[in-house]
C-alpha atoms as a PDB file:
ATOM      1  CA  MET A   1     188.265 -65.640  94.950  1.00  0.00           C
ATOM      2  CA  PRO A   2     189.331 -67.153  91.623  1.00  0.00           C
ATOM      3  CA  ILE A   3     192.137 -69.645  91.361  1.00  0.00           C
ATOM      4  CA  LYS A   4     195.081 -68.705  89.142  1.00  0.00           C
ATOM      5  CA  ILE A   5     196.346 -71.546  86.963  1.00  0.00           C
ATOM      6  CA  PRO A   6     198.115 -71.914  83.584  1.00  0.00           C
ATOM      7  CA  ARG A   7     195.768 -71.745  80.599  1.00  0.00           C
ATOM      8  CA  ASN A   8     197.173 -74.998  79.176  1.00  0.00           C
ATOM      9  CA  LEU A   9     196.639 -77.005  82.378  1.00  0.00           C
ATOM     10  CA  PRO A  10     194.173 -79.820  81.512  1.00  0.00           C
ATOM     11  CA  ALA A  11     191.992 -78.893  84.499  1.00  0.00           C
ATOM     12  CA  TYR A  12     191.420 -75.370  83.148  1.00  0.00           C
ATOM     13  CA  ASP A  13     188.774 -76.264  80.546  1.00  0.00           C
ATOM     14  CA  ALA A  14     186.972 -78.707  82.835  1.00  0.00           C
ATOM     15  CA  LEU A  15     186.708 -76.164  85.651  1.00  0.00           C
ATOM     16  CA  LYS A  16     185.732 -73.382  83.274  1.00  0.00           C
ATOM     17  CA  ASN A  17     182.900 -75.527  81.892  1.00  0.00           C
ATOM     18  CA  GLU A  18     181.655 -76.027  85.451  1.00  0.00           C
ATOM     19  CA  GLN A  19     181.671 -72.250  85.981  1.00  0.00           C
ATOM     20  CA  VAL A  20     184.416 -72.508  88.606  1.00  0.00           C
ATOM     21  CA  PHE A  21     186.184 -69.160  88.825  1.00  0.00           C
ATOM     22  CA  VAL A  22     189.573 -69.702  87.202  1.00  0.00           C
ATOM     23  CA  MET A  23     191.982 -67.082  85.930  1.00  0.00           C
ATOM     24  CA  THR A  24     194.928 -67.423  83.589  1.00  0.00           C
ATOM     25  CA  GLU A  25     198.332 -66.283  84.738  1.00  0.00           C
ATOM     26  CA  GLU A  26     198.377 -63.716  81.939  1.00  0.00           C
ATOM     27  CA  ARG A  27     195.106 -62.136  83.060  1.00  0.00           C
ATOM     28  CA  ALA A  28     196.143 -62.116  86.703  1.00  0.00           C
ATOM     29  CA  GLU A  29     199.359 -60.242  85.919  1.00  0.00           C
ATOM     30  CA  GLY A  30     197.448 -57.429  84.225  1.00  0.00           C
ATOM     31  CA  GLN A  31     194.485 -57.305  86.571  1.00  0.00           C
ATOM     32  CA  ASP A  32     193.541 -54.187  88.462  1.00  0.00           C
ATOM     33  CA  ILE A  33     191.762 -54.807  91.760  1.00  0.00           C
ATOM     34  CA  ARG A  34     189.455 -52.449  93.624  1.00  0.00           C
ATOM     35  CA  PRO A  35     186.702 -52.801  96.236  1.00  0.00           C
ATOM     36  CA  LEU A  36     183.290 -53.843  94.976  1.00  0.00           C
ATOM     37  CA  LYS A  37     180.639 -51.155  95.290  1.00  0.00           C
ATOM     38  CA  VAL A  38     177.298 -52.608  96.415  1.00  0.00           C
ATOM     39  CA  ALA A  39     174.140 -50.620  97.148  1.00  0.00           C
ATOM     40  CA  ILE A  40     171.267 -51.907  99.289  1.00  0.00           C
ATOM     41  CA  LEU A  41     167.834 -50.382  98.721  1.00  0.00           C
ATOM     42  CA  ASN A  42     166.238 -51.338 102.016  1.00  0.00           C
ATOM     43  CA  LEU A  43     162.433 -51.263 101.913  1.00  0.00           C
ATOM     44  CA  MET A  44     161.844 -53.544 104.888  1.00  0.00           C
ATOM     45  CA  PRO A  45     160.162 -52.146 108.019  1.00  0.00           C
ATOM     46  CA  THR A  46     162.699 -54.053 110.129  1.00  0.00           C
ATOM     47  CA  THR A  47     165.377 -51.625 109.000  1.00  0.00           C
ATOM     48  CA  ILE A  48     168.273 -52.540 111.261  1.00  0.00           C
ATOM     49  CA  ASP A  49     167.505 -56.280 111.341  1.00  0.00           C
ATOM     50  CA  THR A  50     167.565 -56.344 107.543  1.00  0.00           C
ATOM     51  CA  GLU A  51     170.850 -54.423 107.472  1.00  0.00           C
ATOM     52  CA  ILE A  52     172.438 -56.975 109.796  1.00  0.00           C
ATOM     53  CA  GLN A  53     171.071 -59.962 107.865  1.00  0.00           C
ATOM     54  CA  LEU A  54     172.358 -58.768 104.505  1.00  0.00           C
ATOM     55  CA  LEU A  55     175.696 -57.483 105.770  1.00  0.00           C
ATOM     56  CA  ARG A  56     176.328 -60.787 107.533  1.00  0.00           C
ATOM     57  CA  LEU A  57     176.088 -62.561 104.184  1.00  0.00           C
ATOM     58  CA  LEU A  58     177.959 -59.949 102.169  1.00  0.00           C
ATOM     59  CA  GLY A  59     180.773 -59.983 104.715  1.00  0.00           C
ATOM     60  CA  ASN A  60     181.455 -63.707 104.273  1.00  0.00           C
ATOM     61  CA  THR A  61     184.021 -63.186 101.510  1.00  0.00           C
ATOM     62  CA  PRO A  62     187.689 -62.210 101.207  1.00  0.00           C
ATOM     63  CA  LEU A  63     186.637 -59.433  98.836  1.00  0.00           C
ATOM     64  CA  GLN A  64     186.448 -55.856 100.061  1.00  0.00           C
ATOM     65  CA  VAL A  65     182.897 -54.560  99.607  1.00  0.00           C
ATOM     66  CA  ASP A  66     181.913 -50.908  99.980  1.00  0.00           C
ATOM     67  CA  ILE A  67     178.251 -50.630 101.034  1.00  0.00           C
ATOM     68  CA  THR A  68     175.875 -47.751 100.289  1.00  0.00           C
ATOM     69  CA  PHE A  69     172.398 -47.863 101.834  1.00  0.00           C
ATOM     70  CA  LEU A  70     169.583 -46.372  99.746  1.00  0.00           C
ATOM     71  CA  ARG A  71     166.104 -45.259 100.751  1.00  0.00           C
ATOM     72  CA  MET A  72     163.010 -43.947  99.077  1.00  0.00           C
ATOM     73  CA  GLY A  73     163.138 -40.190  99.546  1.00  0.00           C
ATOM     74  CA  SER A  74     159.437 -39.998  98.651  1.00  0.00           C
ATOM     75  CA  HIS A  75     158.452 -42.262 101.566  1.00  0.00           C
ATOM     76  CA  ASP A  76     158.340 -41.315 105.234  1.00  0.00           C
ATOM     77  CA  SER A  77     159.463 -44.398 107.150  1.00  0.00           C
ATOM     78  CA  LYS A  78     157.777 -44.879 110.503  1.00  0.00           C
ATOM     79  CA  ASN A  79     159.830 -47.878 111.577  1.00  0.00           C
ATOM     80  CA  ALA A  80     163.469 -46.802 111.437  1.00  0.00           C
ATOM     81  CA  PRO A  81     164.938 -45.227 114.592  1.00  0.00           C
ATOM     82  CA  PRO A  82     164.811 -41.411 114.528  1.00  0.00           C
ATOM     83  CA  GLY A  83     167.606 -39.973 112.431  1.00  0.00           C
ATOM     84  CA  HIS A  84     168.887 -43.377 111.279  1.00  0.00           C
ATOM     85  CA  LEU A  85     167.975 -43.027 107.608  1.00  0.00           C
ATOM     86  CA  GLU A  86     169.187 -39.432 107.445  1.00  0.00           C
ATOM     87  CA  ARG A  87     172.538 -40.439 108.928  1.00  0.00           C
ATOM     88  CA  PHE A  88     173.296 -43.675 107.089  1.00  0.00           C
ATOM     89  CA  TYR A  89     171.206 -43.647 103.894  1.00  0.00           C
ATOM     90  CA  VAL A  90     171.065 -41.669 100.660  1.00  0.00           C
ATOM     91  CA  SER A  91     167.940 -41.323  98.541  1.00  0.00           C
ATOM     92  CA  ALA A  92     167.624 -43.253  95.314  1.00  0.00           C
ATOM     93  CA  ARG A  93     166.881 -40.056  93.410  1.00  0.00           C
ATOM     94  CA  ASP A  94     170.136 -38.516  94.685  1.00  0.00           C
ATOM     95  CA  VAL A  95     171.992 -41.532  93.285  1.00  0.00           C
ATOM     96  CA  ILE A  96     170.282 -41.032  89.944  1.00  0.00           C
ATOM     97  CA  ARG A  97     170.912 -37.277  89.879  1.00  0.00           C
ATOM     98  CA  GLN A  98     174.594 -37.786  90.667  1.00  0.00           C
ATOM     99  CA  GLY A  99     174.946 -40.588  88.121  1.00  0.00           C
ATOM    100  CA  LEU A 100     176.500 -42.956  90.663  1.00  0.00           C
ATOM    101  CA  ARG A 101     177.272 -46.466  89.492  1.00  0.00           C
ATOM    102  CA  PHE A 102     177.611 -49.707  91.409  1.00  0.00           C
ATOM    103  CA  ASP A 103     178.855 -53.221  90.811  1.00  0.00           C
ATOM    104  CA  GLY A 104     175.818 -54.651  92.591  1.00  0.00           C
ATOM    105  CA  LEU A 105     172.445 -53.656  94.014  1.00  0.00           C
ATOM    106  CA  ILE A 106     170.181 -55.518  96.412  1.00  0.00           C
ATOM    107  CA  LEU A 107     166.514 -54.496  96.298  1.00  0.00           C
ATOM    108  CA  THR A 108     164.758 -55.922  99.344  1.00  0.00           C
ATOM    109  CA  GLY A 109     161.192 -56.978  99.882  1.00  0.00           C
ATOM    110  CA  ALA A 110     158.545 -54.695 101.379  1.00  0.00           C
ATOM    111  CA  PRO A 111     155.278 -55.194 103.328  1.00  0.00           C
ATOM    112  CA  VAL A 112     153.125 -53.857 100.487  1.00  0.00           C
ATOM    113  CA  GLU A 113     152.547 -56.975  98.427  1.00  0.00           C
ATOM    114  CA  THR A 114     148.764 -56.978  98.771  1.00  0.00           C
ATOM    115  CA  LEU A 115     148.586 -53.513  97.163  1.00  0.00           C
ATOM    116  CA  ASP A 116     148.610 -52.956  93.426  1.00  0.00           C
ATOM    117  CA  PHE A 117     152.059 -51.790  92.412  1.00  0.00           C
ATOM    118  CA  GLU A 118     150.838 -48.348  91.394  1.00  0.00           C
ATOM    119  CA  GLU A 119     149.171 -47.862  94.797  1.00  0.00           C
ATOM    120  CA  VAL A 120     152.516 -47.960  96.645  1.00  0.00           C
ATOM    121  CA  ASP A 121     153.338 -44.387  97.657  1.00  0.00           C
ATOM    122  CA  TYR A 122     156.954 -44.564  96.475  1.00  0.00           C
ATOM    123  CA  TRP A 123     156.250 -46.485  93.256  1.00  0.00           C
ATOM    124  CA  ASP A 124     157.349 -43.684  90.911  1.00  0.00           C
ATOM    125  CA  GLU A 125     160.691 -43.303  92.657  1.00  0.00           C
ATOM    126  CA  LEU A 126     161.181 -47.066  92.805  1.00  0.00           C
ATOM    127  CA  ILE A 127     160.680 -47.578  89.079  1.00  0.00           C
ATOM    128  CA  GLU A 128     163.114 -44.744  88.408  1.00  0.00           C
ATOM    129  CA  MET A 129     165.713 -46.740  90.336  1.00  0.00           C
ATOM    130  CA  ILE A 130     164.745 -50.022  88.678  1.00  0.00           C
ATOM    131  CA  ASP A 131     165.122 -48.397  85.260  1.00  0.00           C
ATOM    132  CA  TYR A 132     168.383 -46.755  86.295  1.00  0.00           C
ATOM    133  CA  SER A 133     169.836 -50.091  87.392  1.00  0.00           C
ATOM    134  CA  ILE A 134     169.796 -51.498  83.860  1.00  0.00           C
ATOM    135  CA  ASN A 135     172.660 -49.350  82.574  1.00  0.00           C
ATOM    136  CA  ASN A 136     174.311 -48.209  85.790  1.00  0.00           C
ATOM    137  CA  ILE A 137     174.545 -51.321  87.974  1.00  0.00           C
ATOM    138  CA  PHE A 138     176.229 -54.496  86.800  1.00  0.00           C
ATOM    139  CA  SER A 139     174.042 -57.003  88.677  1.00  0.00           C
ATOM    140  CA  THR A 140     170.882 -56.450  90.720  1.00  0.00           C
ATOM    141  CA  MET A 141     169.466 -58.992  93.165  1.00  0.00           C
ATOM    142  CA  HIS A 142     165.739 -58.427  93.694  1.00  0.00           C
ATOM    143  CA  ILE A 143     164.224 -60.098  96.782  1.00  0.00           C
ATOM    144  CA  CYS A 144     160.581 -61.111  97.405  1.00  0.00           C
ATOM    145  CA  TRP A 145     158.290 -58.114  96.660  1.00  0.00           C
ATOM    146  CA  GLY A 146     161.302 -56.368  95.130  1.00  0.00           C
ATOM    147  CA  ALA A 147     161.491 -59.233  92.635  1.00  0.00           C
ATOM    148  CA  GLN A 148     157.762 -58.988  91.889  1.00  0.00           C
ATOM    149  CA  ALA A 149     158.041 -55.230  91.360  1.00  0.00           C
ATOM    150  CA  ALA A 150     160.989 -55.473  88.983  1.00  0.00           C
ATOM    151  CA  LEU A 151     159.458 -58.345  87.000  1.00  0.00           C
ATOM    152  CA  TYR A 152     156.351 -56.211  86.579  1.00  0.00           C
ATOM    153  CA  ARG A 153     158.342 -53.141  85.559  1.00  0.00           C
ATOM    154  CA  HIS A 154     160.746 -54.877  83.188  1.00  0.00           C
ATOM    155  CA  TYR A 155     158.472 -57.547  81.685  1.00  0.00           C
ATOM    156  CA  LYS A 156     154.880 -56.619  82.653  1.00  0.00           C
ATOM    157  CA  ILE A 157     154.602 -59.874  84.604  1.00  0.00           C
ATOM    158  CA  PRO A 158     151.618 -59.624  86.974  1.00  0.00           C
ATOM    159  CA  LYS A 159     151.396 -60.912  90.511  1.00  0.00           C
ATOM    160  CA  HIS A 160     148.427 -62.694  92.042  1.00  0.00           C
ATOM    161  CA  GLY A 161     147.237 -63.478  95.534  1.00  0.00           C
ATOM    162  CA  LEU A 162     147.752 -66.921  97.077  1.00  0.00           C
ATOM    163  CA  ASN A 163     144.992 -68.879  98.793  1.00  0.00           C
ATOM    164  CA  LYS A 164     146.987 -68.621 102.004  1.00  0.00           C
ATOM    165  CA  LYS A 165     150.330 -67.184 103.007  1.00  0.00           C
ATOM    166  CA  LEU A 166     153.334 -69.178 101.810  1.00  0.00           C
ATOM    167  CA  PHE A 167     155.094 -69.320 105.129  1.00  0.00           C
ATOM    168  CA  GLY A 168     157.905 -71.520 106.349  1.00  0.00           C
ATOM    169  CA  ILE A 169     160.984 -73.404 105.153  1.00  0.00           C
ATOM    170  CA  PHE A 170     160.635 -75.138 101.795  1.00  0.00           C
ATOM    171  CA  PRO A 171     162.847 -77.414  99.703  1.00  0.00           C
ATOM    172  CA  HIS A 172     163.925 -76.051  96.322  1.00  0.00           C
ATOM    173  CA  GLY A 173     165.643 -77.708  93.387  1.00  0.00           C
ATOM    174  CA  VAL A 174     168.406 -76.398  91.146  1.00  0.00           C
ATOM    175  CA  SER A 175     167.624 -76.369  87.428  1.00  0.00           C
ATOM    176  CA  GLU A 176     171.191 -75.674  86.277  1.00  0.00           C
ATOM    177  CA  SER A 177     173.889 -76.847  88.663  1.00  0.00           C
ATOM    178  CA  TYR A 178     176.639 -75.204  86.594  1.00  0.00           C
ATOM    179  CA  SER A 179     175.188 -71.713  86.942  1.00  0.00           C
ATOM    180  CA  PRO A 180     177.756 -69.548  88.789  1.00  0.00           C
ATOM    181  CA  LEU A 181     175.096 -68.609  91.343  1.00  0.00           C
ATOM    182  CA  PHE A 182     174.634 -72.249  92.353  1.00  0.00           C
ATOM    183  CA  ARG A 183     178.223 -73.386  92.373  1.00  0.00           C
ATOM    184  CA  GLY A 184     178.589 -75.866  95.239  1.00  0.00           C
ATOM    185  CA  PHE A 185     174.827 -76.199  95.853  1.00  0.00           C
ATOM    186  CA  ASP A 186     173.198 -79.515  96.648  1.00  0.00           C
ATOM    187  CA  ASP A 187     170.547 -80.804  94.244  1.00  0.00           C
ATOM    188  CA  GLU A 188     167.946 -79.791  96.808  1.00  0.00           C
ATOM    189  CA  PHE A 189     168.261 -77.030  99.395  1.00  0.00           C
ATOM    190  CA  LEU A 190     166.032 -75.285 101.918  1.00  0.00           C
ATOM    191  CA  ALA A 191     165.049 -71.622 102.007  1.00  0.00           C
ATOM    192  CA  PRO A 192     162.536 -69.466 103.911  1.00  0.00           C
ATOM    193  CA  GLN A 193     159.424 -68.141 102.197  1.00  0.00           C
ATOM    194  CA  SER A 194     157.054 -65.531 103.615  1.00  0.00           C
ATOM    195  CA  ARG A 195     154.600 -64.002 101.167  1.00  0.00           C
ATOM    196  CA  HIS A 196     150.927 -63.636 100.263  1.00  0.00           C
ATOM    197  CA  THR A 197     151.449 -63.210  96.514  1.00  0.00           C
ATOM    198  CA  ALA A 198     153.411 -64.664  93.602  1.00  0.00           C
ATOM    199  CA  SER A 199     154.454 -63.531  90.147  1.00  0.00           C
ATOM    200  CA  CYS A 200     152.746 -65.437  87.342  1.00  0.00           C
ATOM    201  CA  ARG A 201     154.844 -68.521  86.575  1.00  0.00           C
ATOM    202  CA  ASP A 202     153.445 -68.975  83.052  1.00  0.00           C
ATOM    203  CA  SER A 203     154.404 -65.413  82.176  1.00  0.00           C
ATOM    204  CA  ILE A 204     157.929 -65.923  83.501  1.00  0.00           C
ATOM    205  CA  ALA A 205     158.328 -69.210  81.619  1.00  0.00           C
ATOM    206  CA  LYS A 206     157.125 -67.627  78.361  1.00  0.00           C
ATOM    207  CA  GLU A 207     159.437 -64.606  78.603  1.00  0.00           C
ATOM    208  CA  PRO A 208     162.475 -65.468  76.409  1.00  0.00           C
ATOM    209  CA  LEU A 209     164.793 -63.144  78.333  1.00  0.00           C
ATOM    210  CA  LEU A 210     164.126 -64.897  81.663  1.00  0.00           C
ATOM    211  CA  THR A 211     165.537 -68.250  82.799  1.00  0.00           C
ATOM    212  CA  ILE A 212     164.070 -70.195  85.713  1.00  0.00           C
ATOM    213  CA  ARG A 213     167.016 -71.391  87.813  1.00  0.00           C
ATOM    214  CA  SER A 214     165.313 -72.894  90.853  1.00  0.00           C
ATOM    215  CA  GLU A 215     161.765 -73.915  91.733  1.00  0.00           C
ATOM    216  CA  THR A 216     159.634 -76.463  93.516  1.00  0.00           C
ATOM    217  CA  ALA A 217     156.077 -77.651  93.035  1.00  0.00           C
ATOM    218  CA  GLU A 218     155.044 -76.510  96.507  1.00  0.00           C
ATOM    219  CA  ALA A 219     156.620 -73.051  96.634  1.00  0.00           C
ATOM    220  CA  GLY A 220     156.838 -72.265  92.918  1.00  0.00           C
ATOM    221  CA  ILE A 221     159.699 -70.356  91.337  1.00  0.00           C
ATOM    222  CA  PHE A 222     162.452 -69.482  93.765  1.00  0.00           C
ATOM    223  CA  ILE A 223     165.080 -67.888  91.519  1.00  0.00           C
ATOM    224  CA  ALA A 224     164.987 -66.618  87.930  1.00  0.00           C
ATOM    225  CA  THR A 225     167.620 -64.611  86.085  1.00  0.00           C
ATOM    226  CA  ALA A 226     168.013 -62.466  82.987  1.00  0.00           C
ATOM    227  CA  ARG A 227     170.916 -60.966  81.049  1.00  0.00           C
ATOM    228  CA  GLU A 228     173.281 -63.766  82.139  1.00  0.00           C
ATOM    229  CA  GLY A 229     172.958 -62.958  85.820  1.00  0.00           C
ATOM    230  CA  ARG A 230     172.768 -59.194  85.634  1.00  0.00           C
ATOM    231  CA  GLU A 231     169.153 -59.447  86.810  1.00  0.00           C
ATOM    232  CA  ILE A 232     168.422 -61.914  89.632  1.00  0.00           C
ATOM    233  CA  TYR A 233     164.934 -62.480  91.007  1.00  0.00           C
ATOM    234  CA  VAL A 234     164.648 -64.280  94.375  1.00  0.00           C
ATOM    235  CA  THR A 235     161.117 -64.927  95.639  1.00  0.00           C
ATOM    236  CA  GLY A 236     162.122 -65.975  99.167  1.00  0.00           C
ATOM    237  CA  HIS A 237     164.412 -64.862 101.969  1.00  0.00           C
ATOM    238  CA  LEU A 238     167.732 -66.650 102.204  1.00  0.00           C
ATOM    239  CA  GLU A 239     168.918 -63.695 104.281  1.00  0.00           C
ATOM    240  CA  TYR A 240     166.499 -64.393 107.158  1.00  0.00           C
ATOM    241  CA  ASP A 241     168.085 -65.068 110.533  1.00  0.00           C
ATOM    242  CA  PRO A 242     166.971 -67.932 112.831  1.00  0.00           C
ATOM    243  CA  LEU A 243     164.123 -66.041 114.533  1.00  0.00           C
ATOM    244  CA  THR A 244     162.725 -63.902 111.695  1.00  0.00           C
ATOM    245  CA  LEU A 245     159.842 -66.255 110.887  1.00  0.00           C
ATOM    246  CA  ASP A 246     159.170 -66.681 114.604  1.00  0.00           C
ATOM    247  CA  ARG A 247     158.848 -62.911 115.040  1.00  0.00           C
ATOM    248  CA  GLU A 248     156.537 -62.675 112.025  1.00  0.00           C
ATOM    249  CA  TYR A 249     154.381 -65.523 113.308  1.00  0.00           C
ATOM    250  CA  ARG A 250     153.999 -64.064 116.798  1.00  0.00           C
ATOM    251  CA  ARG A 251     153.431 -60.569 115.395  1.00  0.00           C
ATOM    252  CA  ASP A 252     150.535 -61.792 113.256  1.00  0.00           C
ATOM    253  CA  LEU A 253     149.089 -63.789 116.151  1.00  0.00           C
ATOM    254  CA  GLY A 254     149.227 -60.665 118.276  1.00  0.00           C
ATOM    255  CA  ARG A 255     147.324 -58.760 115.614  1.00  0.00           C
ATOM    256  CA  GLY A 256     144.603 -61.410 115.536  1.00  0.00           C
ATOM    257  CA  LEU A 257     145.403 -62.400 111.953  1.00  0.00           C
ATOM    258  CA  ALA A 258     144.717 -65.838 110.515  1.00  0.00           C
ATOM    259  CA  ILE A 259     148.240 -67.242 110.351  1.00  0.00           C
ATOM    260  CA  GLU A 260     149.356 -70.870 110.284  1.00  0.00           C
ATOM    261  CA  VAL A 261     152.448 -72.189 112.016  1.00  0.00           C
ATOM    262  CA  PRO A 262     155.379 -71.710 109.605  1.00  0.00           C
ATOM    263  CA  LYS A 263     155.943 -75.000 107.814  1.00  0.00           C
ATOM    264  CA  ASN A 264     159.050 -77.109 108.495  1.00  0.00           C
ATOM    265  CA  TYR A 265     160.349 -74.480 110.921  1.00  0.00           C
ATOM    266  CA  TYR A 266     159.724 -75.510 114.524  1.00  0.00           C
ATOM    267  CA  PRO A 267     160.623 -79.087 115.520  1.00  0.00           C
ATOM    268  CA  ASP A 268     157.412 -81.143 115.483  1.00  0.00           C
ATOM    269  CA  ASP A 269     155.658 -77.968 114.215  1.00  0.00           C
ATOM    270  CA  ASP A 270     155.455 -76.847 117.827  1.00  0.00           C
ATOM    271  CA  PRO A 271     156.039 -73.084 118.340  1.00  0.00           C
ATOM    272  CA  GLY A 272     157.157 -73.916 121.857  1.00  0.00           C
ATOM    273  CA  ASN A 273     160.313 -75.470 120.398  1.00  0.00           C
ATOM    274  CA  PRO A 274     163.186 -73.253 119.259  1.00  0.00           C
ATOM    275  CA  PRO A 275     163.490 -73.303 115.450  1.00  0.00           C
ATOM    276  CA  VAL A 276     166.354 -75.193 113.826  1.00  0.00           C
ATOM    277  CA  VAL A 277     168.251 -73.336 111.097  1.00  0.00           C
ATOM    278  CA  ARG A 278     168.676 -75.457 107.972  1.00  0.00           C
ATOM    279  CA  TRP A 279     169.256 -72.805 105.296  1.00  0.00           C
ATOM    280  CA  ARG A 280     172.262 -70.861 106.626  1.00  0.00           C
ATOM    281  CA  ALA A 281     174.981 -72.646 104.627  1.00  0.00           C
ATOM    282  CA  HIS A 282     173.241 -72.203 101.274  1.00  0.00           C
ATOM    283  CA  ALA A 283     172.459 -68.568 102.085  1.00  0.00           C
ATOM    284  CA  HIS A 284     176.142 -67.818 102.626  1.00  0.00           C
ATOM    285  CA  LEU A 285     177.063 -69.792  99.522  1.00  0.00           C
ATOM    286  CA  PHE A 286     174.541 -67.994  97.321  1.00  0.00           C
ATOM    287  CA  PHE A 287     175.644 -64.509  98.347  1.00  0.00           C
ATOM    288  CA  SER A 288     179.319 -65.442  98.082  1.00  0.00           C
ATOM    289  CA  ASN A 289     178.711 -66.853  94.612  1.00  0.00           C
ATOM    290  CA  TRP A 290     176.938 -63.651  93.602  1.00  0.00           C
ATOM    291  CA  LEU A 291     179.791 -61.457  94.817  1.00  0.00           C
ATOM    292  CA  ASN A 292     182.351 -63.658  93.082  1.00  0.00           C
ATOM    293  CA  PHE A 293     180.310 -63.503  89.869  1.00  0.00           C
ATOM    294  CA  VAL A 294     180.159 -59.714  90.091  1.00  0.00           C
ATOM    295  CA  TYR A 295     183.867 -59.532  90.912  1.00  0.00           C
ATOM    296  CA  GLN A 296     184.738 -61.620  87.863  1.00  0.00           C
ATOM    297  CA  GLU A 297     182.456 -59.975  85.336  1.00  0.00           C
ATOM    298  CA  THR A 298     182.030 -56.297  86.222  1.00  0.00           C
ATOM    299  CA  PRO A 299     184.314 -53.803  84.450  1.00  0.00           C
ATOM    300  CA  TYR A 300     187.132 -52.326  86.503  1.00  0.00           C
ATOM    301  CA  ASN A 301     185.975 -48.887  85.360  1.00  0.00           C
ATOM    302  CA  LEU A 302     182.259 -48.629  86.152  1.00  0.00           C
ATOM    303  CA  LYS A 303     181.886 -45.978  83.456  1.00  0.00           C
ATOM    304  CA  GLU A 304     182.190 -48.862  80.985  1.00  0.00           C
ATOM    305  CA  LEU A 305     178.904 -50.439  82.157  1.00  0.00           C
END
C-alpha cells in the first residue's frame, strides 16, 4: 500500500525518485478505492498446482484482488480434474466477446515450447487474447512460454532451442534497482528456470520498445518490460513451490528422458536431499510490487484504459 505524506515533506521527492509508492494528502482525500480485477490464463498441465502457486503470491497483499480464471475454449485439457474448468474457468473468447476488462492478467507457461507457435492447437485463440490485452488490460505478466509467445506476437521475436534444458535455480541481476517491480530487491537474487527454449536476446535488445530489467550470463534474460510496465515478460518461474522442480525431474526420469539434476536445487546436488527454497522471498516481493504498481497506475474506471 502507498504511504500518505504531505507533498512538501522533504522525503517526498527522494522516495518518489526511488519509485517508492507515496501519495499526497490531496490525492488520498479524493481517491476512490475498489478491488483489483486480475485474470489468470492458466495453460499449465498442473492446473490446480499452478492455481495454488499463483494465488499464494497474489494473496500476500493488503489489497483486495478479484480473480477470474481463463482457459482456451479451443483446447480440450486432459489434465484438469473432470468438470473443474467448466466450473471455475471462463473461455478467453467469452471475455473478448463480452468486452470484459481487467487491471491485470497473468499468462502462464505451457508444455508446448518445442513446437512452432503456429503448431499449437489453441494458437489462434491465444493471439486473440494477447491482442485483446493491449487495450483492455492495464498490465499483463507473461511467464515462460507465455512470454515467448507474446514476444513473438507483439514484436516478431523468434525463439530457439537450447543445447540442453535450462533447469534449476539460477542467480539473476537487477539492471534498474529503482524500477517499481524491483523495489526492495537485492542486487542479485535467485529464481527457478525450467525450459528448453529461449527468445532471441539480440532481437529483444534491439527492440526500442522493450527494456531488459534482469538477466544473467548463465540463464540469459529473466525479465523484460514494455510500455512502462504494462507488458512484463518473465522467462522463469518465481511462482514455483519447493517441490515443483523435484516433480519435473522425477517425471522426466520416469519417462526415460535425458534430464540432468536441477542445478543449485538439492543440497550437494544430491536428489536424495530435500531441496532448500531460496527464491520464496523475492517471489512474494515481485508479485506484491506488481500488484502495487497496478493499484497505483490503473484507472479507477476500467473503461478509461
